[in-house]
């Protein structure tokens, strides 16, 4: 930001110290020290030191990865025990709604300035270049690569979503990459606000989630990484639109087309919809997959190029157990140790899919977040650092009050709705037309 404010510079450790004090002042419940909200805040803030250690040149990055694994393990345990926290009253922030909105807008301005003054992410530039190939119907494989690292690639959905951004940026790749990062942050913010307004019936809570998302150090550290931001934005909007299975299926299908991990969310979402909505959800996934394949056909010179792009859009190395040469926790140990970790992940995924048999929104949120968090343990490429993959979902789990929703197939359409009275109790005598805290 020195280009805008002469002499102004905030490095990553300083950002952590300043944001730590601000987050505690605004969001920490000093009157309820042992609340779940405070536990979640502490765990989210504890991720930042691990990320700093990973980026540090003075200390061994292995210390940072080990620290991240420990904190991520506590996060996973907290998510698996989410159903045990039955008292989840609505907790107000230590700042009123107007002040929270100002804080959110100010934090967004700082993040946009950081995006525009720093070098864009390599993966974002490659995504924009692929979008340009798509618009020109040019074979993607003929484009000169920015890097040969396959782990920096974004899938075909990223190129498809970048096609309207490139003309908006005047065709400049760097400007388009920065624009994609800004729009991805805006999408996450608006998705959090939509969840707060539509499903928690509290717009101020949505603004609070958006403000905390922008203030957390892990957001600032990876502020330009579109391959982290884009799938998170699509997933949070899937949650916001979960009552429309077709829309949610399209959004999750696009998320699966950007990176690999949203694929593991599909069984939980299918179990959530089950008999009512599962067919529409599955149909939307199939249609989205067909559109993505069509975009690859448009940029393929022949069948060989199409096969190369289709198979090359998936990073198959994450499912192998070979030695990892790059940086990361598993680069220091025998890759065979990942096999029982991955097997445990699969068992956990099956258990969360079949239990409970009648899922509500509480289960969908906690289980989806737990699955994304759990991928950090067996992911071979710098596992643990991809906090932005699950951060928006984790914020929704952190802020949500007690939601005694029926499963989706039994949700009533009448004018009466269950609502919380603020103390964890449930009232069912509030008409939809007159309730300020209606759930839908």
Protein backbone atom coordinates (compact mmCIF):
# COMPACT_ATOMS: atom_id res chain seq x y z
CA UNK A 1 0.00 0.00 0.00
CA UNK A 2 3.02 2.28 -0.12
CA UNK A 3 1.94 3.35 -3.62
CA UNK A 4 -1.20 4.91 -2.12
CA UNK A 5 -0.03 5.96 1.36
CA UNK A 6 3.65 6.88 1.33
CA UNK A 7 5.57 5.14 4.10
CA UNK A 8 2.65 2.87 5.01
CA UNK A 9 3.56 -0.79 5.39
CA UNK A 10 1.91 -3.58 7.38
CA UNK A 11 3.68 -6.92 7.23
CA UNK A 12 2.01 -10.24 7.99
CA UNK A 13 2.94 -10.48 11.71
CA UNK A 14 1.78 -6.89 12.31
CA UNK A 15 -1.52 -7.63 10.57
CA UNK A 16 -1.98 -10.57 12.92
CA UNK A 17 -1.35 -8.47 16.04
CA UNK A 18 -3.66 -5.64 14.97
CA UNK A 19 -6.47 -7.86 13.73
CA UNK A 20 -6.21 -10.01 16.88
CA UNK A 21 -6.95 -7.03 19.12
CA UNK A 22 -9.71 -5.73 16.88
CA UNK A 23 -11.42 -9.12 16.54
CA UNK A 24 -11.35 -9.73 20.28
CA UNK A 25 -12.74 -6.25 20.98
CA UNK A 26 -15.65 -6.69 18.56
CA UNK A 27 -16.54 -10.39 18.63
CA UNK A 28 -15.26 -11.92 21.89
CA UNK A 29 -18.03 -12.37 24.50
CA UNK A 30 -16.38 -11.15 27.69
CA UNK A 31 -19.56 -11.81 29.67
CA UNK A 32 -19.65 -15.46 28.56
CA UNK A 33 -16.05 -16.59 28.58
CA UNK A 34 -16.85 -20.28 28.13
CA UNK A 35 -19.23 -19.84 25.20
CA UNK A 36 -18.86 -21.80 21.95
CA UNK A 37 -18.42 -18.50 20.11
CA UNK A 38 -15.25 -17.72 22.06
CA UNK A 39 -13.90 -21.23 21.49
CA UNK A 40 -14.37 -20.88 17.74
CA UNK A 41 -12.73 -17.45 17.70
CA UNK A 42 -9.69 -18.76 19.54
CA UNK A 43 -9.33 -21.69 17.12
CA UNK A 44 -9.67 -19.47 14.04
CA UNK A 45 -7.13 -16.98 15.37
CA UNK A 46 -4.76 -19.82 16.31
CA UNK A 47 -4.43 -20.74 12.62
CA UNK A 48 -2.55 -17.51 11.87
CA UNK A 49 0.66 -18.34 13.83
CA UNK A 50 0.90 -21.64 11.95
CA UNK A 51 0.58 -19.86 8.61
CA UNK A 52 3.24 -17.37 9.69
CA UNK A 53 5.60 -20.18 10.67
CA UNK A 54 5.07 -21.88 7.31
CA UNK A 55 6.00 -18.65 5.51
CA UNK A 56 8.92 -17.87 7.81
CA UNK A 57 12.46 -18.20 6.47
CA UNK A 58 14.10 -18.14 9.91
CA UNK A 59 12.35 -21.22 11.29
CA UNK A 60 11.75 -24.63 9.76
CA UNK A 61 8.39 -24.72 7.94
CA UNK A 62 7.82 -28.20 9.37
CA UNK A 63 7.09 -26.56 12.73
CA UNK A 64 4.39 -24.48 11.09
CA UNK A 65 2.80 -27.47 9.36
CA UNK A 66 2.76 -29.44 12.61
CA UNK A 67 1.19 -26.49 14.43
CA UNK A 68 -1.44 -26.14 11.67
CA UNK A 69 -2.24 -29.86 11.88
CA UNK A 70 -2.75 -29.58 15.64
CA UNK A 71 -5.10 -26.57 15.40
CA UNK A 72 -6.94 -28.08 12.42
CA UNK A 73 -7.42 -31.28 14.44
CA UNK A 74 -9.06 -29.28 17.23
CA UNK A 75 -11.31 -27.59 14.66
CA UNK A 76 -12.34 -30.97 13.28
CA UNK A 77 -13.09 -32.31 16.76
CA UNK A 78 -15.20 -29.23 17.52
CA UNK A 79 -17.19 -29.72 14.28
CA UNK A 80 -17.79 -33.41 14.95
CA UNK A 81 -19.16 -32.49 18.39
CA UNK A 82 -21.30 -29.65 17.04
CA UNK A 83 -24.55 -31.49 17.74
CA UNK A 84 -23.59 -31.71 21.43
CA UNK A 85 -23.69 -27.91 21.82
CA UNK A 86 -27.43 -27.66 22.30
CA UNK A 87 -27.52 -24.17 23.83
CA UNK A 88 -26.81 -21.81 20.95
CA UNK A 89 -28.59 -18.51 21.73
CA UNK A 90 -28.26 -15.51 19.49
CA UNK A 91 -25.27 -13.48 20.65
CA UNK A 92 -24.99 -9.81 19.78
CA UNK A 93 -21.65 -8.33 18.77
CA UNK A 94 -19.82 -5.74 20.85
CA UNK A 95 -20.56 -3.20 18.10
CA UNK A 96 -23.91 -2.09 16.74
CA UNK A 97 -25.04 -2.82 13.19
CA UNK A 98 -24.05 0.56 11.74
CA UNK A 99 -20.57 0.30 13.22
CA UNK A 100 -20.26 -3.28 12.01
CA UNK A 101 -21.20 -2.24 8.47
CA UNK A 102 -18.58 0.54 8.56
CA UNK A 103 -15.95 -1.90 9.84
CA UNK A 104 -16.85 -4.39 7.10
CA UNK A 105 -16.60 -1.74 4.36
CA UNK A 106 -13.28 -0.47 5.74
CA UNK A 107 -11.80 -3.97 5.90
CA UNK A 108 -12.96 -4.63 2.34
CA UNK A 109 -11.24 -1.44 1.17
CA UNK A 110 -7.98 -2.54 2.80
CA UNK A 111 -8.19 -5.98 1.18
CA UNK A 112 -8.96 -4.52 -2.26
CA UNK A 113 -5.99 -2.17 -1.91
CA UNK A 114 -3.78 -5.12 -1.00
CA UNK A 115 -4.98 -7.02 -4.08
CA UNK A 116 -4.40 -4.13 -6.46
CA UNK A 117 -0.92 -3.25 -5.16
CA UNK A 118 0.51 -6.78 -4.97
CA UNK A 119 1.48 -9.16 -7.73
CA UNK A 120 -1.51 -11.27 -8.81
CA UNK A 121 -1.58 -14.95 -8.05
CA UNK A 122 -0.03 -17.17 -10.73
CA UNK A 123 -3.02 -19.53 -10.76
CA UNK A 124 -5.40 -16.58 -11.28
CA UNK A 125 -3.38 -15.40 -14.29
CA UNK A 126 -3.47 -18.91 -15.76
CA UNK A 127 -7.22 -19.07 -15.20
CA UNK A 128 -7.70 -15.77 -17.02
CA UNK A 129 -5.47 -17.01 -19.85
CA UNK A 130 -7.63 -20.11 -20.14
CA UNK A 131 -10.74 -17.91 -20.27
CA UNK A 132 -9.18 -15.98 -23.14
CA UNK A 133 -8.56 -19.26 -24.96
CA UNK A 134 -12.19 -20.21 -24.34
CA UNK A 135 -13.45 -16.93 -25.80
CA UNK A 136 -11.19 -17.35 -28.85
CA UNK A 137 -12.01 -21.08 -29.11
CA UNK A 138 -8.30 -21.75 -29.04
CA UNK A 139 -6.70 -24.95 -27.83
CA UNK A 140 -5.68 -24.36 -24.20
CA UNK A 141 -2.67 -26.62 -24.60
CA UNK A 142 -1.15 -24.18 -27.15
CA UNK A 143 -1.03 -21.32 -24.65
CA UNK A 144 2.42 -20.61 -23.18
CA UNK A 145 2.34 -21.75 -19.55
CA UNK A 146 3.01 -19.33 -16.72
CA UNK A 147 4.27 -22.20 -14.64
CA UNK A 148 4.60 -25.95 -14.98
CA UNK A 149 3.32 -26.65 -11.50
CA UNK A 150 0.01 -28.58 -11.88
CA UNK A 151 -1.01 -27.75 -8.33
CA UNK A 152 -1.49 -24.09 -9.30
CA UNK A 153 -4.13 -24.92 -11.90
CA UNK A 154 -7.78 -24.02 -11.56
CA UNK A 155 -10.28 -26.36 -13.18
CA UNK A 156 -12.49 -25.71 -16.22
CA UNK A 157 -15.17 -24.02 -14.11
CA UNK A 158 -12.68 -21.32 -13.16
CA UNK A 159 -11.98 -20.57 -16.82
CA UNK A 160 -15.70 -20.55 -17.59
CA UNK A 161 -16.49 -18.13 -14.76
CA UNK A 162 -13.58 -15.89 -15.78
CA UNK A 163 -14.91 -15.35 -19.31
CA UNK A 164 -17.10 -12.33 -18.40
CA UNK A 165 -14.34 -10.86 -16.22
CA UNK A 166 -11.74 -10.64 -18.99
CA UNK A 167 -13.72 -8.21 -21.20
CA UNK A 168 -14.60 -6.24 -18.07
CA UNK A 169 -10.89 -5.74 -17.41
CA UNK A 170 -10.21 -4.63 -20.97
CA UNK A 171 -8.47 -7.87 -21.88
CA UNK A 172 -5.52 -7.29 -19.55
CA UNK A 173 -4.62 -10.56 -17.80
CA UNK A 174 -3.22 -8.97 -14.64
CA UNK A 175 -6.22 -6.65 -14.22
CA UNK A 176 -8.61 -9.54 -14.84
CA UNK A 177 -6.83 -11.73 -12.26
CA UNK A 178 -7.12 -8.97 -9.68
CA UNK A 179 -10.76 -8.39 -10.60
CA UNK A 180 -11.51 -12.09 -10.11
CA UNK A 181 -9.99 -12.00 -6.63
CA UNK A 182 -12.03 -8.92 -5.68
CA UNK A 183 -15.26 -10.39 -7.07
CA UNK A 184 -14.61 -13.67 -5.24
CA UNK A 185 -14.28 -11.83 -1.92
CA UNK A 186 -17.46 -9.87 -2.66
CA UNK A 187 -19.27 -13.12 -3.46
CA UNK A 188 -18.19 -14.66 -0.15
CA UNK A 189 -19.26 -11.52 1.75
CA UNK A 190 -22.66 -11.34 0.08
CA UNK A 191 -23.15 -15.07 0.59
CA UNK A 192 -22.50 -14.73 4.33
CA UNK A 193 -24.90 -11.79 4.54
CA UNK A 194 -27.51 -13.78 2.60
CA UNK A 195 -27.20 -16.73 4.99
CA UNK A 196 -27.62 -14.42 7.97
CA UNK A 197 -30.65 -12.71 6.49
CA UNK A 198 -32.45 -15.68 4.91
CA UNK A 199 -31.69 -18.51 7.34
CA UNK A 200 -30.86 -16.77 10.62
CA UNK A 201 -33.30 -13.89 10.01
CA UNK A 202 -30.65 -11.46 11.21
CA UNK A 203 -28.92 -9.24 8.66
CA UNK A 204 -26.62 -7.81 11.31
CA UNK A 205 -25.33 -11.32 11.98
CA UNK A 206 -24.56 -11.71 8.29
CA UNK A 207 -22.65 -8.42 8.27
CA UNK A 208 -20.74 -9.57 11.35
CA UNK A 209 -19.73 -12.80 9.60
CA UNK A 210 -18.57 -10.84 6.55
CA UNK A 211 -16.57 -8.42 8.73
CA UNK A 212 -14.85 -11.23 10.61
CA UNK A 213 -14.06 -12.97 7.32
CA UNK A 214 -12.24 -9.86 6.09
CA UNK A 215 -10.45 -9.19 9.38
CA UNK A 216 -9.02 -12.67 9.98
CA UNK A 217 -5.30 -12.85 9.14
CA UNK A 218 -5.70 -15.98 7.02
CA UNK A 219 -7.84 -13.97 4.57
CA UNK A 220 -5.20 -11.27 4.20
CA UNK A 221 -2.38 -13.80 3.75
CA UNK A 222 -4.03 -15.45 0.72
CA UNK A 223 -6.06 -12.47 -0.43
CA UNK A 224 -5.27 -12.90 -4.16
CA UNK A 225 -5.50 -16.69 -4.48
CA UNK A 226 -8.53 -17.25 -6.69
CA UNK A 227 -8.20 -21.04 -6.57
CA UNK A 228 -8.84 -20.77 -2.81
CA UNK A 229 -11.55 -18.11 -2.99
CA UNK A 230 -13.68 -19.23 -5.90
CA UNK A 231 -14.75 -22.66 -4.58
CA UNK A 232 -15.43 -21.17 -1.14
CA UNK A 233 -17.68 -18.51 -2.70
CA UNK A 234 -19.62 -21.13 -4.69
CA UNK A 235 -20.07 -23.37 -1.65
CA UNK A 236 -21.31 -20.59 0.64
CA UNK A 237 -23.86 -19.58 -1.99
CA UNK A 238 -24.92 -23.24 -2.23
CA UNK A 239 -25.70 -23.03 1.48
CA UNK A 240 -27.57 -19.76 0.99
CA UNK A 241 -29.65 -21.35 -1.80
CA UNK A 242 -30.03 -24.79 -0.21
CA UNK A 243 -33.84 -24.58 -0.39
CA UNK A 244 -33.55 -24.59 -4.20
CA UNK A 245 -31.95 -27.93 -5.09
CA UNK A 246 -31.39 -27.04 -8.75
CA UNK A 247 -29.55 -23.81 -7.94
CA UNK A 248 -27.53 -25.47 -5.16
CA UNK A 249 -26.61 -28.32 -7.52
CA UNK A 250 -25.38 -25.92 -10.20
CA UNK A 251 -23.27 -23.98 -7.71
CA UNK A 252 -21.76 -27.11 -6.16
CA UNK A 253 -21.14 -28.53 -9.62
CA UNK A 254 -19.18 -25.41 -10.54
CA UNK A 255 -17.26 -25.69 -7.26
CA UNK A 256 -16.32 -29.27 -8.17
CA UNK A 257 -15.09 -27.94 -11.51
CA UNK A 258 -12.62 -25.55 -9.86
CA UNK A 259 -10.77 -27.81 -7.41
CA UNK A 260 -11.19 -31.39 -6.26
CA UNK A 261 -12.38 -31.18 -2.64
CA UNK A 262 -16.09 -30.18 -3.16
CA UNK A 263 -16.63 -33.63 -4.69
CA UNK A 264 -16.54 -35.08 -1.17
CA UNK A 265 -19.45 -32.83 -0.17
CA UNK A 266 -21.83 -34.37 -2.69
CA UNK A 267 -22.79 -37.49 -0.64
CA UNK A 268 -23.72 -35.35 2.37
CA UNK A 269 -25.80 -32.99 0.25
CA UNK A 270 -27.55 -35.89 -1.49
CA UNK A 271 -28.38 -37.40 1.91
CA UNK A 272 -29.64 -34.00 3.06
CA UNK A 273 -32.10 -33.72 0.16
CA UNK A 274 -32.85 -37.46 0.04
CA UNK A 275 -36.32 -38.19 -1.42
CA UNK A 276 -37.36 -34.57 -1.83
CA UNK A 277 -34.95 -32.58 -3.94
CA UNK A 278 -32.24 -35.21 -4.49
CA UNK A 279 -33.35 -35.82 -8.08
CA UNK A 280 -33.26 -32.10 -8.94
CA UNK A 281 -29.93 -31.72 -7.18
CA UNK A 282 -28.42 -34.65 -9.09
CA UNK A 283 -29.84 -33.41 -12.39
CA UNK A 284 -28.27 -30.00 -11.83
CA UNK A 285 -24.90 -31.65 -11.20
CA UNK A 286 -25.16 -33.61 -14.45
CA UNK A 287 -26.14 -30.52 -16.46
CA UNK A 288 -23.28 -28.51 -14.97
CA UNK A 289 -20.83 -31.28 -15.81
CA UNK A 290 -22.13 -31.31 -19.39
CA UNK A 291 -21.60 -27.56 -19.70
CA UNK A 292 -18.04 -27.85 -18.40
CA UNK A 293 -17.29 -30.65 -20.85
CA UNK A 294 -18.74 -28.48 -23.60
CA UNK A 295 -16.36 -25.67 -22.68
CA UNK A 296 -13.46 -28.12 -23.01
CA UNK A 297 -14.72 -29.26 -26.41
CA UNK A 298 -14.74 -25.64 -27.60
CA UNK A 299 -11.05 -25.25 -26.75
CA UNK A 300 -9.85 -28.62 -28.03
CA UNK A 301 -8.23 -28.92 -31.43
CA UNK A 302 -8.86 -32.67 -31.65
CA UNK A 303 -9.87 -35.69 -29.59
CA UNK A 304 -6.36 -36.07 -28.20
CA UNK A 305 -6.39 -32.48 -26.94
CA UNK A 306 -9.86 -32.97 -25.45
CA UNK A 307 -8.72 -36.08 -23.58
CA UNK A 308 -5.63 -34.28 -22.35
CA UNK A 309 -7.65 -31.31 -21.09
CA UNK A 310 -10.33 -33.47 -19.47
CA UNK A 311 -7.91 -35.68 -17.58
CA UNK A 312 -5.42 -32.87 -17.03
CA UNK A 313 -8.04 -30.67 -15.33
CA UNK A 314 -7.98 -33.05 -12.35
CA UNK A 315 -4.95 -33.15 -10.09
CA UNK A 316 -4.72 -36.93 -9.79
CA UNK A 317 -1.56 -36.68 -7.72
CA UNK A 318 -3.62 -35.91 -4.60
CA UNK A 319 -5.04 -39.46 -4.74
CA UNK A 320 -1.65 -41.14 -5.09
CA UNK A 321 0.67 -42.09 -2.26
CA UNK A 322 3.98 -41.31 -3.81
CA UNK A 323 6.71 -39.21 -2.26
CA UNK A 324 5.93 -35.49 -2.31
CA UNK A 325 8.83 -33.39 -3.46
CA UNK A 326 7.28 -30.01 -2.70
CA UNK A 327 6.87 -28.24 0.60
CA UNK A 328 4.38 -29.61 3.05
CA UNK A 329 3.90 -31.84 6.06
CA UNK A 330 3.87 -35.07 4.06
CA UNK A 331 7.02 -34.11 2.19
CA UNK A 332 8.93 -34.90 5.40
CA UNK A 333 7.49 -38.36 6.03
CA UNK A 334 6.93 -41.65 4.28
CA UNK A 335 3.90 -41.23 1.96
CA UNK A 336 2.60 -44.63 3.12
CA UNK A 337 1.52 -42.92 6.36
CA UNK A 338 -1.12 -41.07 4.35
CA UNK A 339 -2.95 -44.32 3.57
CA UNK A 340 -4.50 -44.85 7.05
CA UNK A 341 -5.23 -41.11 7.25
CA UNK A 342 -7.14 -41.23 3.97
CA UNK A 343 -8.92 -44.44 5.03
CA UNK A 344 -10.05 -42.72 8.23
CA UNK A 345 -11.28 -39.79 6.16
CA UNK A 346 -13.38 -42.13 3.99
CA UNK A 347 -14.88 -43.81 7.07
CA UNK A 348 -15.72 -40.39 8.53
CA UNK A 349 -17.34 -39.31 5.25
CA UNK A 350 -19.51 -42.43 5.16
CA UNK A 351 -20.51 -41.97 8.80
CA UNK A 352 -21.46 -38.32 8.32
CA UNK A 353 -23.44 -39.23 5.21
CA UNK A 354 -25.60 -41.91 6.82
CA UNK A 355 -25.90 -40.33 10.29
CA UNK A 356 -28.30 -38.94 11.16
CA UNK A 357 -30.70 -40.32 8.60
CA UNK A 358 -32.89 -37.18 8.81
CA UNK A 359 -30.57 -34.24 8.32
CA UNK A 360 -31.41 -30.60 8.92
CA UNK A 361 -29.50 -27.41 8.18
CA UNK A 362 -27.45 -27.74 11.36
CA UNK A 363 -26.14 -31.13 10.23
CA UNK A 364 -25.51 -29.92 6.69
CA UNK A 365 -23.39 -27.00 7.89
CA UNK A 366 -21.33 -28.87 10.47
CA UNK A 367 -20.79 -32.00 8.37
CA UNK A 368 -19.86 -30.09 5.21
CA UNK A 369 -17.35 -28.00 7.12
CA UNK A 370 -15.92 -31.08 8.84
CA UNK A 371 -15.34 -32.83 5.51
CA UNK A 372 -13.46 -29.85 4.03
CA UNK A 373 -11.38 -29.46 7.19
CA UNK A 374 -10.56 -33.18 7.19
CA UNK A 375 -9.15 -33.01 3.65
CA UNK A 376 -6.29 -30.93 5.06
CA UNK A 377 -4.88 -33.97 6.85
CA UNK A 378 -4.29 -36.19 3.81
CA UNK A 379 -3.89 -33.56 1.08
CA UNK A 380 -0.24 -33.94 0.02
CA UNK A 381 0.51 -30.42 -1.24
CA UNK A 382 1.03 -28.13 1.75
CA UNK A 383 -1.83 -29.69 3.69
CA UNK A 384 -3.28 -27.42 6.35
CA UNK A 385 -2.67 -24.08 4.65
CA UNK A 386 -5.89 -24.03 2.63
CA UNK A 387 -7.89 -22.27 5.32
CA UNK A 388 -9.97 -20.23 2.87
CA UNK A 389 -11.51 -23.45 1.54
CA UNK A 390 -13.52 -23.86 4.72
CA UNK A 391 -13.37 -20.43 6.39
CA UNK A 392 -16.80 -19.11 5.18
CA UNK A 393 -18.52 -22.35 6.20
CA UNK A 394 -16.77 -22.29 9.56
CA UNK A 395 -17.98 -18.74 10.18
CA UNK A 396 -21.58 -19.79 9.52
CA UNK A 397 -21.20 -22.66 12.01
CA UNK A 398 -19.64 -20.25 14.52
CA UNK A 399 -22.38 -17.63 14.35
CA UNK A 400 -25.47 -19.73 13.84
CA UNK A 401 -28.01 -19.85 16.66
CA UNK A 402 -29.88 -23.00 17.56
CA UNK A 403 -31.88 -24.06 14.48
CA UNK A 404 -34.48 -26.72 15.20
CA UNK A 405 -35.31 -27.20 11.52
CA UNK A 406 -37.09 -30.25 10.33
CA UNK A 407 -35.36 -32.19 7.55
CA UNK A 408 -35.86 -30.54 4.18
CA UNK A 409 -38.44 -33.09 3.03
CA UNK A 410 -40.63 -32.24 6.05
CA UNK A 411 -40.23 -28.48 6.20
CA UNK A 412 -43.68 -26.91 6.46
CA UNK A 413 -44.88 -24.32 4.00
CA UNK A 414 -47.50 -22.86 6.33
CA UNK A 415 -47.34 -19.37 7.76
CA UNK A 416 -46.08 -20.42 11.17
CA UNK A 417 -42.40 -20.94 11.84
CA UNK A 418 -40.15 -22.11 14.65
CA UNK A 419 -37.98 -19.36 16.11
CA UNK A 420 -35.54 -18.97 18.96
CA UNK A 421 -36.43 -16.71 21.86
CA UNK A 422 -32.76 -15.78 22.40
CA UNK A 423 -32.16 -18.22 25.29
CA UNK A 424 -31.91 -21.42 23.32
CA UNK A 425 -35.64 -22.22 23.70
CA UNK A 426 -37.93 -22.69 20.74
CA UNK A 427 -41.23 -20.98 20.10
CA UNK A 428 -43.68 -22.21 17.48
CA UNK A 429 -46.42 -19.65 17.93
CA UNK A 430 -44.91 -16.79 15.92
CA UNK A 431 -46.65 -16.00 12.63
CA UNK A 432 -44.34 -15.57 9.67
CA UNK A 433 -45.83 -12.21 8.80
CA UNK A 434 -45.17 -10.66 12.21
CA UNK A 435 -41.90 -12.26 13.33
CA UNK A 436 -38.65 -10.31 13.12
CA UNK A 437 -36.59 -13.42 13.87
CA UNK A 438 -38.26 -15.86 11.49
CA UNK A 439 -35.92 -18.54 10.25
CA UNK A 440 -37.02 -18.32 6.62
